[in-house]
Amino acid sequence: MNQNTEPVAAAESLAEVPEHVLRGLPEEVRLFPSAVDRTRIGVWATKPILKGKKFGPFVGDKKKRSQVKNNVYMWEVYYPNLGWMCIDATDPEKGNWLRYVNWACSGEEQNLFPLEINRAIYYKTLKVRVLELVCCELL
């Protein structure tokens, strides 16, 4: 008998995406159910995006690591006066469309690379894409 006590994640719904997120989408991307993680929304290119294009910054609440309850929707950034802080977009109301970028299952699938510029996170395209945009291989 399987006694898995892990809570089952509730699937994200397009109907739950805040209006400000939809208004902020670049013209070449749309949100659709993810192919990488069936419980999540993903960011999909609707036309080719050239290699080297930057998107960002990633938006969310600035918090100490101890305050973050879910590391799926966050990045850590170093602030000289504060130390390591998390940009946490767990709450869709506080994030932007970049919170919906999912993790690649392999390095071969990865088509985005995270960049830290002036204590903000941006994504840079690694390949011309008309697929789901995914960043960094899952470890």
Protein backbone atom coordinates (compact mmCIF):
# COMPACT_ATOMS: atom_id res chain seq x y z
CA MET A 1 0.00 0.00 0.00
CA ASN A 2 1.36 3.41 -1.00
CA GLN A 3 1.27 5.81 1.93
CA ASN A 4 2.58 8.87 0.16
CA THR A 5 1.74 11.82 2.39
CA GLU A 6 3.00 14.45 -0.05
CA PRO A 7 0.20 16.91 -0.79
CA VAL A 8 -0.96 16.86 -4.39
CA ALA A 9 -0.35 20.25 -5.99
CA ALA A 10 -3.48 21.93 -7.27
CA ALA A 11 -3.22 22.56 -10.99
CA GLU A 12 -2.88 26.17 -12.08
CA SER A 13 -5.66 27.43 -14.29
CA LEU A 14 -5.54 30.05 -17.03
CA ALA A 15 -8.69 31.52 -15.48
CA GLU A 16 -6.67 32.30 -12.32
CA VAL A 17 -3.94 34.29 -14.10
CA PRO A 18 -4.20 37.93 -12.96
CA GLU A 19 -5.18 40.48 -15.58
CA HIS A 20 -1.98 42.52 -15.08
CA VAL A 21 0.05 39.43 -16.02
CA LEU A 22 -1.89 38.95 -19.28
CA ARG A 23 -1.57 42.66 -20.15
CA GLY A 24 2.19 42.47 -19.58
CA LEU A 25 2.85 39.60 -22.01
CA PRO A 26 5.18 40.43 -24.90
CA GLU A 27 3.49 40.01 -28.28
CA GLU A 28 5.52 36.89 -29.15
CA VAL A 29 4.41 34.78 -26.16
CA ARG A 30 1.18 33.44 -24.64
CA LEU A 31 0.30 31.42 -21.55
CA PHE A 32 -0.99 27.87 -22.03
CA PRO A 33 -0.88 24.68 -19.94
CA SER A 34 2.72 23.51 -19.56
CA ALA A 35 4.07 20.43 -21.30
CA VAL A 36 6.88 20.24 -18.73
CA ASP A 37 4.70 20.20 -15.61
CA ARG A 38 1.04 19.36 -16.12
CA THR A 39 0.06 21.14 -12.89
CA ARG A 40 1.42 24.47 -14.10
CA ILE A 41 0.89 27.13 -16.72
CA GLY A 42 3.76 27.60 -19.18
CA VAL A 43 5.02 30.40 -21.40
CA TRP A 44 4.80 29.50 -25.09
CA ALA A 45 6.31 31.33 -28.05
CA THR A 46 3.70 32.07 -30.72
CA LYS A 47 6.33 33.01 -33.31
CA PRO A 48 10.12 32.62 -33.55
CA ILE A 49 12.07 34.46 -30.85
CA LEU A 50 15.62 35.25 -31.89
CA LYS A 51 18.58 33.91 -29.94
CA GLY A 52 19.86 36.51 -27.45
CA LYS A 53 16.55 38.29 -26.78
CA LYS A 54 16.20 39.41 -23.13
CA PHE A 55 12.98 39.38 -21.11
CA GLY A 56 12.54 40.85 -17.66
CA PRO A 57 12.92 41.71 -14.99
CA PHE A 58 11.39 38.86 -12.99
CA VAL A 59 8.99 40.52 -10.50
CA GLY A 60 7.99 39.47 -6.99
CA ASP A 61 8.25 40.27 -3.29
CA LYS A 62 11.72 40.80 -1.85
CA LYS A 63 12.14 38.42 1.11
CA LYS A 64 14.78 36.69 3.20
CA ARG A 65 15.21 33.01 2.34
CA SER A 66 13.67 31.99 5.68
CA GLN A 67 10.43 33.76 4.67
CA VAL A 68 10.03 31.86 1.40
CA LYS A 69 7.69 28.87 1.64
CA ASN A 70 7.94 27.67 -1.99
CA ASN A 71 11.14 27.95 -4.02
CA VAL A 72 9.44 27.13 -7.35
CA TYR A 73 8.63 30.77 -8.11
CA MET A 74 11.70 32.60 -6.87
CA TRP A 75 15.29 33.63 -7.55
CA GLU A 76 17.99 34.67 -5.11
CA VAL A 77 19.84 37.94 -5.66
CA TYR A 78 22.74 39.38 -3.66
CA TYR A 79 22.26 42.91 -2.28
CA PRO A 80 25.47 44.45 -0.84
CA ASN A 81 23.65 46.02 2.13
CA LEU A 82 21.16 43.20 2.76
CA GLY A 83 22.93 40.01 1.72
CA TRP A 84 21.08 37.29 -0.19
CA MET A 85 17.43 38.13 -0.79
CA CYS A 86 14.75 36.22 -2.69
CA ILE A 87 12.56 37.68 -5.39
CA ASP A 88 9.46 35.60 -4.64
CA ALA A 89 6.61 35.42 -7.17
CA THR A 90 4.67 32.64 -5.45
CA ASP A 91 1.66 34.98 -5.26
CA PRO A 92 0.58 35.54 -8.91
CA GLU A 93 -0.75 38.98 -7.92
CA LYS A 94 2.80 40.05 -7.00
CA GLY A 95 4.60 38.47 -9.95
CA ASN A 96 4.64 39.01 -13.68
CA TRP A 97 4.45 36.63 -16.65
CA LEU A 98 8.01 35.40 -16.04
CA ARG A 99 6.79 33.47 -12.97
CA TYR A 100 5.21 31.04 -15.45
CA VAL A 101 8.55 30.06 -17.03
CA ASN A 102 9.14 26.43 -16.05
CA TRP A 103 12.29 24.37 -15.55
CA ALA A 104 13.69 22.34 -18.43
CA CYS A 105 13.80 18.56 -18.01
CA SER A 106 17.23 18.43 -19.67
CA GLY A 107 20.00 20.75 -20.78
CA GLU A 108 19.03 19.95 -24.37
CA GLU A 109 15.50 21.32 -23.78
CA GLN A 110 16.68 24.51 -22.06
CA ASN A 111 16.07 27.55 -24.24
CA LEU A 112 16.39 30.36 -21.67
CA PHE A 113 19.26 31.38 -19.42
CA PRO A 114 18.85 33.49 -16.25
CA LEU A 115 20.95 36.65 -15.95
CA GLU A 116 21.39 38.87 -12.92
CA ILE A 117 21.63 42.51 -13.98
CA ASN A 118 21.68 45.27 -11.35
CA ARG A 119 20.15 42.97 -8.73
CA ALA A 120 17.31 41.89 -11.02
CA ILE A 121 16.73 38.61 -12.88
CA TYR A 122 16.27 38.57 -16.64
CA TYR A 123 15.93 35.64 -19.04
CA LYS A 124 17.94 35.49 -22.27
CA THR A 125 16.99 33.17 -25.13
CA LEU A 126 19.58 30.54 -26.09
CA LYS A 127 17.87 29.26 -29.24
CA VAL A 128 15.31 30.40 -31.79
CA ARG A 129 12.06 29.00 -30.37
CA VAL A 130 8.42 28.39 -31.20
CA LEU A 131 7.86 26.12 -28.19
CA GLU A 132 7.41 26.36 -24.46
CA LEU A 133 10.09 28.61 -22.96
CA VAL A 134 11.98 26.73 -20.24
CA CYS A 135 14.91 27.76 -18.10
CA CYS A 136 17.69 25.74 -16.50
CA GLU A 137 17.81 21.99 -16.22
CA LEU A 138 16.12 20.39 -13.23
CA LEU A 139 18.72 18.90 -10.92
